[in-house]
Amino acid sequence: MNRRHWIGTRSAAASRLMFGRGAFHHRALCLALVSLFLLIPTVSQAADDDVPTLAFLRFGQSPSFALTDMAVLDMLEVYGYIGAEERATLEAGRDLQGANLNVLYRDAGFDFPTANLMVENALDEGADVFLTVSTQVGMIALGAMSEMEDPPALIFAIVTDPHDTGLAAATCIKPPNVTGTLMHIDYREYTNLATMQNPESASIGYIGDANDPAAPGNAATVKHIGEQYGFTVEVEMIVTAADYAIATESLLDKGVDVIGLLPHTGSESGIASVVDAAYGVPVFSPLVSDVIHGVTVAAGFEGWYREGVQAARMVIAYLEGELDIATTAIASTPSFAVAVNLDSAEAQDLVISEALLAEADFILEGGVGAGAMIEIPGEIGLAEMTLEERRAEDAAFLANLHCSPEMIAEQLSAVPATSG
């Protein structure tokens, strides 16, 4: 696959992210970080040229994002790219100049100007491969690389919609230096649960984060599917966590029967305020991990650790010269889980239907969870196997992502003319 298969590399949304939202409000922070980067010797200044450099760039931290981080570090450690002491350096939030791998370990704190700065700094330091976590950082990195003749490999993870945000036009139609993993969410199943909870529900109100470049596409999808199910669909967008309660009140004023959250790859802060404000109205989320943040019902994506493992497989195979990024499809692992928070339901004076309880894989009651395991730090990790067995399993996973010329041609013919 050559570069002409990718047309319109930098989308308008990516360009907006390159400049960042509210940049003037964060100028002092950016200047401070620039000073810090200048004062601290870079990894590349003292690194052995034979040791590759990974830019592991995250938009921010939360219990869910921590699972993805942990998975990547687990994989790098089991493959011998980092040792226990080197891992401790990374877990302390510091860059690593390692024996087998240098790592630029950066976190933007959910701040767009800082995210732009850390991407540019990683490019200046000559990182060989970028592993970005979240839609926002992936788009910023792609935009920053768009004018480069020989850009580094870009592997993204925890992205809700790479196709509508400019990261790719289809699983195999993308920039030749880009691949990653897609957070698979079954919106039809998600919407159907509202009917399962209350067959008389007629209106759903959704809350999305305007800072998330995938939000418009996700909003259009849930609106279309909701209307197919016969619902009236209302959508409110928030800019800061403080807006969650205001958006909730606005939806309640419109008489919605259910409040749903759109998928988000930003901070979970503010979700609890939605539940507090939505007394008598169930709050749904398509991210199963949100059940621990107080939503009444969480149904859909539950693979934060899994996605980290899959992205790390790509990074490791690339470092070992075993992966052609240009012909590696974006990975998507279909799954659907349902979690119910009976503590939140009780606080909201709600009774969860027997039909919905029967579908639940995980139930939280009295602060204690029961049922199928959801991903919790300390209670999840890599399956026990030899390194040879792991290599074989990882190689088989990546082999299934190979984009054949026929697949590329078929997907390219299906891409709308406006995308190319």
Protein backbone atom coordinates (compact mmCIF):
# COMPACT_ATOMS: atom_id res chain seq x y z
CA MET A 1 0.00 0.00 0.00
CA ASN A 2 1.52 3.34 -0.95
CA ARG A 3 0.92 6.85 0.30
CA ARG A 4 -1.60 7.76 -2.40
CA HIS A 5 -4.14 5.49 -0.70
CA TRP A 6 -4.38 8.12 2.03
CA ILE A 7 -5.94 11.38 0.92
CA GLY A 8 -6.56 14.36 3.16
CA THR A 9 -4.09 13.44 5.90
CA ARG A 10 -4.86 16.26 8.26
CA SER A 11 -8.56 16.72 8.98
CA ALA A 12 -10.06 19.98 10.22
CA ALA A 13 -10.56 18.35 13.61
CA ALA A 14 -6.90 17.33 13.75
CA SER A 15 -5.84 20.86 12.86
CA ARG A 16 -7.96 22.25 15.68
CA LEU A 17 -6.36 19.82 18.07
CA MET A 18 -2.90 20.83 16.88
CA PHE A 19 -3.54 24.34 18.12
CA GLY A 20 -5.36 23.10 21.24
CA ARG A 21 -8.48 24.39 22.95
CA GLY A 22 -8.04 27.24 25.36
CA ALA A 23 -4.32 27.53 24.59
CA PHE A 24 -4.03 31.02 26.04
CA HIS A 25 -5.35 29.78 29.37
CA HIS A 26 -2.56 27.21 29.55
CA ARG A 27 0.34 29.27 28.17
CA ALA A 28 2.09 29.49 31.52
CA LEU A 29 1.89 25.71 31.91
CA CYS A 30 3.31 25.16 28.44
CA LEU A 31 6.19 27.58 29.03
CA ALA A 32 7.00 25.82 32.27
CA LEU A 33 7.04 22.46 30.53
CA VAL A 34 9.24 23.81 27.74
CA SER A 35 11.70 25.01 30.36
CA LEU A 36 11.59 21.61 32.04
CA PHE A 37 12.29 19.79 28.77
CA LEU A 38 15.26 22.09 28.13
CA LEU A 39 16.73 21.57 31.58
CA ILE A 40 16.46 17.78 31.67
CA PRO A 41 18.83 15.82 29.38
CA THR A 42 16.78 14.11 26.75
CA VAL A 43 16.78 10.37 26.27
CA SER A 44 18.28 10.79 22.82
CA GLN A 45 21.20 12.91 24.05
CA ALA A 46 22.81 9.97 25.84
CA ALA A 47 21.13 7.01 24.19
CA ASP A 48 22.93 4.27 22.31
CA ASP A 49 21.99 4.58 18.63
CA ASP A 50 21.32 0.82 18.59
CA VAL A 51 18.63 1.12 21.27
CA PRO A 52 15.22 2.09 19.82
CA THR A 53 13.11 4.84 21.37
CA LEU A 54 9.40 4.44 22.08
CA ALA A 55 7.27 7.53 22.66
CA PHE A 56 4.51 6.27 24.97
CA LEU A 57 2.15 9.26 25.02
CA ARG A 58 -1.06 9.40 27.07
CA PHE A 59 -3.77 12.09 27.14
CA GLY A 60 -4.36 11.64 30.87
CA GLN A 61 -4.68 9.18 33.71
CA SER A 62 -7.63 7.43 35.35
CA PRO A 63 -8.24 3.93 36.74
CA SER A 64 -9.32 2.81 33.25
CA PHE A 65 -6.36 4.32 31.40
CA ALA A 66 -4.05 2.86 34.04
CA LEU A 67 -5.10 -0.61 32.87
CA THR A 68 -3.95 0.14 29.32
CA ASP A 69 -0.64 1.47 30.63
CA MET A 70 -0.17 -1.60 32.80
CA ALA A 71 -0.82 -3.94 29.86
CA VAL A 72 1.79 -2.21 27.70
CA LEU A 73 4.39 -2.35 30.48
CA ASP A 74 3.51 -6.00 31.19
CA MET A 75 4.17 -6.87 27.56
CA LEU A 76 7.39 -4.88 27.32
CA GLU A 77 8.66 -6.56 30.48
CA VAL A 78 7.76 -10.12 29.51
CA TYR A 79 9.48 -9.63 26.15
CA GLY A 80 12.62 -8.36 27.87
CA TYR A 81 12.49 -4.77 26.60
CA ILE A 82 12.38 -3.43 30.16
CA GLY A 83 13.46 -4.94 33.47
CA ALA A 84 11.82 -4.64 36.88
CA GLU A 85 13.92 -1.64 37.94
CA GLU A 86 13.38 0.06 34.59
CA ARG A 87 9.67 -0.50 34.90
CA ALA A 88 9.74 1.13 38.33
CA THR A 89 11.32 4.20 36.71
CA LEU A 90 8.43 4.42 34.25
CA GLU A 91 5.80 3.82 36.91
CA ALA A 92 7.31 6.73 38.82
CA GLY A 93 6.44 8.89 35.81
CA ARG A 94 9.96 9.33 34.45
CA ASP A 95 11.46 8.73 31.03
CA LEU A 96 13.68 5.69 30.64
CA GLN A 97 17.12 5.35 29.08
CA GLY A 98 17.16 1.58 29.09
CA ALA A 99 19.46 -1.24 28.11
CA ASN A 100 17.10 -2.51 25.41
CA LEU A 101 14.56 0.29 25.00
CA ASN A 102 14.41 4.02 25.61
CA VAL A 103 10.94 5.27 26.56
CA LEU A 104 9.58 8.80 26.49
CA TYR A 105 6.83 8.27 29.05
CA ARG A 106 4.55 11.31 28.85
CA ASP A 107 1.11 12.25 30.17
CA ALA A 108 -0.71 15.45 29.14
CA GLY A 109 -3.07 15.60 32.11
CA PHE A 110 -6.05 15.91 29.74
CA ASP A 111 -4.66 19.26 28.55
CA PHE A 112 -4.53 19.95 24.80
CA PRO A 113 -1.60 22.43 24.72
CA THR A 114 0.45 20.02 26.84
CA ALA A 115 -0.50 17.14 24.51
CA ASN A 116 0.69 19.15 21.50
CA LEU A 117 3.92 19.99 23.30
CA MET A 118 4.72 16.39 24.27
CA VAL A 119 4.13 15.17 20.70
CA GLU A 120 6.42 17.83 19.24
CA ASN A 121 9.06 17.06 21.87
CA ALA A 122 8.93 13.33 21.08
CA LEU A 123 9.41 14.10 17.38
CA ASP A 124 12.35 16.40 18.21
CA GLU A 125 13.94 13.58 20.22
CA GLY A 126 13.68 11.26 17.22
CA ALA A 127 11.38 8.58 18.64
CA ASP A 128 11.30 5.52 16.38
CA VAL A 129 7.73 4.51 17.21
CA PHE A 130 4.83 6.35 18.83
CA LEU A 131 2.27 4.56 20.98
CA THR A 132 -0.55 7.02 21.66
CA VAL A 133 -3.41 6.41 24.08
CA SER A 134 -6.70 8.22 23.27
CA THR A 135 -8.21 9.67 20.12
CA GLN A 136 -6.91 13.13 20.97
CA VAL A 137 -3.22 12.26 21.17
CA GLY A 138 -3.42 9.99 18.14
CA MET A 139 -4.83 12.81 16.04
CA ILE A 140 -2.30 15.33 17.33
CA ALA A 141 0.55 12.96 16.49
CA LEU A 142 -0.82 12.25 13.01
CA GLY A 143 -1.20 15.96 12.32
CA ALA A 144 2.34 16.67 13.48
CA MET A 145 3.71 13.93 11.22
CA SER A 146 1.66 14.82 8.16
CA GLU A 147 4.35 16.95 6.48
CA MET A 148 7.23 14.57 7.25
CA GLU A 149 8.79 12.66 4.37
CA ASP A 150 9.66 9.67 6.54
CA PRO A 151 7.44 9.79 9.65
CA PRO A 152 7.92 7.36 12.53
CA ALA A 153 5.47 4.53 13.10
CA LEU A 154 2.28 5.59 14.87
CA ILE A 155 0.30 2.94 16.77
CA PHE A 156 -2.80 4.16 18.59
CA ALA A 157 -4.93 2.61 21.33
CA ILE A 158 -8.18 3.50 23.14
CA VAL A 159 -9.69 5.23 20.11
CA THR A 160 -13.46 5.13 19.78
CA ASP A 161 -13.77 6.03 16.11
CA PRO A 162 -10.63 6.25 13.94
CA HIS A 163 -12.69 6.39 10.76
CA ASP A 164 -14.67 9.56 11.50
CA THR A 165 -11.78 11.40 13.16
CA GLY A 166 -9.23 11.35 10.35
CA LEU A 167 -6.96 8.58 11.63
CA ALA A 168 -8.18 6.17 8.95
CA ALA A 169 -10.77 5.85 6.22
CA ALA A 170 -11.20 2.09 6.76
CA THR A 171 -9.36 -0.66 8.62
CA CYS A 172 -6.81 -1.00 5.80
CA ILE A 173 -7.10 2.47 4.23
CA LYS A 174 -4.89 4.70 6.37
CA PRO A 175 -1.52 6.44 6.31
CA PRO A 176 1.19 3.82 5.68
CA ASN A 177 2.90 4.56 9.01
CA VAL A 178 -0.29 4.21 11.07
CA THR A 179 -2.23 1.37 12.68
CA GLY A 180 -3.75 0.66 16.08
CA THR A 181 -6.73 -0.69 17.96
CA LEU A 182 -10.38 0.32 17.83
CA MET A 183 -12.65 0.32 20.90
CA HIS A 184 -15.52 -1.81 19.61
CA ILE A 185 -18.95 -0.70 20.88
CA ASP A 186 -22.23 -2.28 19.80
CA TYR A 187 -24.56 0.72 19.84
CA ARG A 188 -27.61 -1.35 18.95
CA GLU A 189 -27.21 -3.59 21.99
CA TYR A 190 -26.48 -0.51 24.08
CA THR A 191 -29.68 1.20 22.92
CA ASN A 192 -31.74 -1.96 23.32
CA LEU A 193 -30.97 -2.07 27.05
CA ALA A 194 -32.98 1.10 27.57
CA THR A 195 -36.04 -0.75 26.30
CA MET A 196 -35.16 -3.74 28.45
CA GLN A 197 -35.12 -1.53 31.54
CA ASN A 198 -38.41 0.16 30.67
CA PRO A 199 -40.40 -0.87 27.56
CA GLU A 200 -42.35 2.39 27.82
CA SER A 201 -39.27 4.60 27.52
CA ALA A 202 -39.77 7.02 24.64
CA SER A 203 -36.87 9.45 24.84
CA ILE A 204 -33.11 9.13 25.37
CA GLY A 205 -30.83 12.04 26.17
CA TYR A 206 -27.11 11.69 25.46
CA ILE A 207 -24.21 13.65 26.92
CA GLY A 208 -20.97 13.92 24.98
CA ASP A 209 -17.63 15.66 25.47
CA ALA A 210 -17.08 18.41 22.92
CA ASN A 211 -13.31 18.02 23.42
CA ASP A 212 -13.45 14.47 22.06
CA PRO A 213 -13.04 14.55 18.26
CA ALA A 214 -15.05 11.32 17.98
CA ALA A 215 -18.08 12.82 19.76
CA PRO A 216 -19.89 14.19 16.65
CA GLY A 217 -19.67 10.83 14.87
CA ASN A 218 -20.77 8.92 17.96
CA ALA A 219 -23.66 11.34 18.49
CA ALA A 220 -24.83 10.86 14.91
CA THR A 221 -24.65 7.07 15.32
CA VAL A 222 -26.64 6.86 18.56
CA LYS A 223 -29.21 9.31 17.21
CA HIS A 224 -29.71 7.24 14.07
CA ILE A 225 -29.98 3.95 15.96
CA GLY A 226 -32.17 5.44 18.69
CA GLU A 227 -34.63 6.75 16.15
CA GLN A 228 -34.70 3.34 14.46
CA TYR A 229 -35.79 1.91 17.83
CA GLY A 230 -38.53 4.53 18.00
CA PHE A 231 -36.87 6.85 20.54
CA THR A 232 -36.74 10.61 20.45
CA VAL A 233 -33.04 11.43 20.87
CA GLU A 234 -31.63 14.57 22.46
CA VAL A 235 -27.89 15.37 22.64
CA GLU A 236 -26.04 17.78 24.92
CA MET A 237 -22.30 18.48 24.67
CA ILE A 238 -20.12 19.47 27.61
CA VAL A 239 -16.77 21.29 27.58
CA THR A 240 -15.65 20.91 31.21
CA ALA A 241 -16.56 18.47 33.98
CA ALA A 242 -18.59 21.23 35.60
CA ASP A 243 -20.96 21.15 32.60
CA TYR A 244 -22.13 17.59 33.27
CA ALA A 245 -24.74 18.61 35.84
CA ILE A 246 -25.95 21.47 33.63
CA ALA A 247 -26.31 19.15 30.62
CA THR A 248 -28.18 16.63 32.76
CA GLU A 249 -30.66 19.26 33.97
CA SER A 250 -31.19 20.40 30.38
CA LEU A 251 -32.02 16.84 29.29
CA LEU A 252 -34.35 16.32 32.24
CA ASP A 253 -36.16 19.55 31.33
CA LYS A 254 -36.75 17.98 27.90
CA GLY A 255 -38.43 15.00 29.59
CA VAL A 256 -35.99 12.24 28.67
CA ASP A 257 -36.64 8.79 30.17
CA VAL A 258 -33.01 7.66 30.00
CA ILE A 259 -29.69 9.50 30.04
CA GLY A 260 -26.83 7.92 28.11
CA LEU A 261 -23.19 8.91 28.00
CA LEU A 262 -21.33 8.89 24.71
CA PRO A 263 -18.03 6.98 24.62
CA HIS A 264 -15.26 9.12 26.04
CA THR A 265 -11.47 8.90 26.07
CA GLY A 266 -11.06 11.82 28.45
CA SER A 267 -11.37 12.09 32.21
CA GLU A 268 -14.25 10.37 34.01
CA SER A 269 -14.51 13.32 36.40
CA GLY A 270 -18.01 14.73 36.36
CA ILE A 271 -19.82 11.45 35.73
CA ALA A 272 -20.93 11.21 39.36
CA SER A 273 -22.62 14.60 39.04
CA VAL A 274 -24.78 13.23 36.21
CA VAL A 275 -26.02 10.42 38.45
CA ASP A 276 -26.64 12.84 41.33
CA ALA A 277 -28.66 15.18 39.12
CA ALA A 278 -30.60 12.42 37.32
CA TYR A 279 -32.77 11.38 40.26
CA GLY A 280 -35.38 8.89 39.06
CA VAL A 281 -33.78 8.51 35.62
CA PRO A 282 -31.27 5.73 34.87
CA VAL A 283 -27.84 6.74 33.58
CA PHE A 284 -26.25 4.44 30.98
CA SER A 285 -22.66 4.30 29.71
CA PRO A 286 -21.14 2.27 26.84
CA LEU A 287 -17.95 1.79 28.90
CA VAL A 288 -18.32 -1.04 31.41
CA SER A 289 -15.67 0.47 33.68
CA ASP A 290 -17.97 3.45 34.30
CA VAL A 291 -20.02 1.24 36.63
CA ILE A 292 -17.39 1.92 39.30
CA HIS A 293 -17.81 5.65 38.68
CA GLY A 294 -21.49 5.46 39.56
CA VAL A 295 -23.50 5.01 36.36
CA THR A 296 -26.64 2.94 36.83
CA VAL A 297 -25.97 0.62 33.89
CA ALA A 298 -22.74 0.23 31.94
CA ALA A 299 -22.87 -1.86 28.79
CA GLY A 300 -20.47 -2.28 25.91
CA PHE A 301 -16.69 -1.90 25.84
CA GLU A 302 -14.74 -3.67 28.61
CA GLY A 303 -11.24 -4.15 27.23
CA TRP A 304 -8.90 -1.46 28.55
CA TYR A 305 -6.20 -3.99 29.47
CA ARG A 306 -6.85 -6.12 26.37
CA GLU A 307 -6.42 -3.11 24.06
CA GLY A 308 -3.10 -2.30 25.72
CA VAL A 309 -1.92 -5.86 25.09
CA GLN A 310 -2.94 -5.69 21.45
CA ALA A 311 -1.26 -2.33 20.85
CA ALA A 312 1.89 -3.60 22.58
CA ARG A 313 1.90 -6.64 20.28
CA MET A 314 2.13 -4.23 17.35
CA VAL A 315 4.86 -2.14 18.96
CA ILE A 316 6.98 -5.17 19.84
CA ALA A 317 6.58 -6.79 16.41
CA TYR A 318 7.55 -3.49 14.79
CA LEU A 319 10.62 -3.15 17.00
CA GLU A 320 11.64 -6.67 16.05
CA GLY A 321 11.23 -5.96 12.35
CA GLU A 322 8.32 -8.38 12.04
CA LEU A 323 5.49 -5.94 11.30
CA ASP A 324 4.70 -4.00 8.15
CA ILE A 325 2.62 -1.09 9.48
CA ALA A 326 1.32 -0.21 6.01
CA THR A 327 -0.35 -3.61 5.58
CA THR A 328 -1.50 -4.08 9.18
CA ALA A 329 -5.20 -3.42 9.67
CA ILE A 330 -6.68 -1.55 12.61
CA ALA A 331 -7.64 -4.18 15.18
CA SER A 332 -11.16 -4.47 16.57
CA THR A 333 -12.23 -7.08 19.10
CA PRO A 334 -16.03 -7.40 19.27
CA SER A 335 -17.32 -7.97 22.79
CA PHE A 336 -20.24 -6.79 24.85
CA ALA A 337 -20.64 -6.88 28.62
CA VAL A 338 -23.32 -5.51 30.95
CA ALA A 339 -22.73 -4.18 34.45
CA VAL A 340 -25.35 -2.85 36.88
CA ASN A 341 -24.75 -0.62 39.89
CA LEU A 342 -27.56 -1.35 42.35
CA ASP A 343 -26.13 1.14 44.82
CA SER A 344 -26.62 3.94 42.30
CA ALA A 345 -30.08 2.63 41.41
CA GLU A 346 -31.10 2.74 45.07
CA ALA A 347 -29.74 6.28 45.49
CA GLN A 348 -31.74 7.31 42.40
CA ASP A 349 -34.88 5.57 43.70
CA LEU A 350 -34.88 3.20 40.73
CA VAL A 351 -35.71 -0.48 40.43
CA ILE A 352 -33.68 -2.35 37.82
CA SER A 353 -35.90 -4.63 35.76
CA GLU A 354 -35.60 -8.38 36.08
CA ALA A 355 -34.96 -8.59 32.34
CA LEU A 356 -31.96 -6.27 32.62
CA LEU A 357 -30.63 -8.00 35.74
CA ALA A 358 -30.78 -11.30 33.87
CA GLU A 359 -28.48 -9.81 31.21
CA ALA A 360 -25.96 -8.46 33.71
CA ASP A 361 -22.49 -9.97 33.71
CA PHE A 362 -21.45 -7.95 36.74
CA ILE A 363 -23.54 -6.47 39.57
CA LEU A 364 -22.28 -3.97 42.12
CA GLU A 365 -24.24 -3.94 45.39
CA GLY A 366 -23.21 -2.74 48.81
CA GLY A 367 -19.88 -1.71 47.34
CA VAL A 368 -19.13 -5.32 46.42
CA GLY A 369 -19.08 -6.68 42.89
CA ALA A 370 -20.31 -10.10 41.85
CA GLY A 371 -20.35 -11.97 38.57
CA ALA A 372 -17.94 -12.02 35.67
CA MET A 373 -14.66 -10.28 36.34
CA ILE A 374 -14.32 -6.73 35.06
CA GLU A 375 -10.85 -5.33 34.58
CA ILE A 376 -9.53 -4.11 37.93
CA PRO A 377 -5.89 -3.16 38.69
CA GLY A 378 -4.24 -5.86 40.74
CA GLU A 379 -6.75 -8.46 39.60
CA ILE A 380 -5.84 -8.70 35.93
CA GLY A 381 -2.65 -9.55 34.11
CA LEU A 382 -1.12 -11.54 31.29
CA ALA A 383 -2.07 -15.18 31.00
CA GLU A 384 0.59 -17.57 32.21
CA MET A 385 2.56 -19.08 29.32
CA THR A 386 6.10 -19.47 28.10
CA LEU A 387 7.63 -16.75 25.95
CA GLU A 388 7.60 -19.13 22.98
CA GLU A 389 3.88 -19.74 23.46
CA ARG A 390 3.26 -16.00 23.79
CA ARG A 391 5.23 -15.25 20.64
CA ALA A 392 3.16 -17.80 18.73
CA GLU A 393 -0.12 -16.37 20.06
CA ASP A 394 0.90 -12.80 19.31
CA ALA A 395 2.13 -13.70 15.82
CA ALA A 396 -1.19 -15.41 15.05
CA PHE A 397 -3.11 -12.32 16.21
CA LEU A 398 -1.07 -10.04 13.97
CA ALA A 399 -1.27 -12.43 11.01
CA ASN A 400 -5.05 -12.03 11.13
CA LEU A 401 -4.62 -8.28 10.66
CA HIS A 402 -2.74 -8.53 7.36
CA CYS A 403 -4.24 -6.34 4.65
CA SER A 404 -4.02 -8.22 1.37
CA PRO A 405 -4.04 -6.30 -1.93
CA GLU A 406 -7.58 -7.58 -2.48
CA MET A 407 -8.74 -6.25 0.90
CA ILE A 408 -7.15 -2.88 0.25
CA ALA A 409 -8.75 -2.63 -3.19
CA GLU A 410 -12.17 -3.63 -1.84
CA GLN A 411 -12.05 -1.15 1.03
CA LEU A 412 -10.67 1.61 -1.16
CA SER A 413 -13.57 1.18 -3.59
CA ALA A 414 -16.03 1.48 -0.69
CA VAL A 415 -14.56 4.71 0.70
CA PRO A 416 -16.95 7.59 -0.12
CA ALA A 417 -15.65 10.06 -2.66
CA THR A 418 -15.76 12.80 -0.02
CA SER A 419 -13.17 10.87 2.00
CA GLY A 420 -10.66 10.78 -0.78
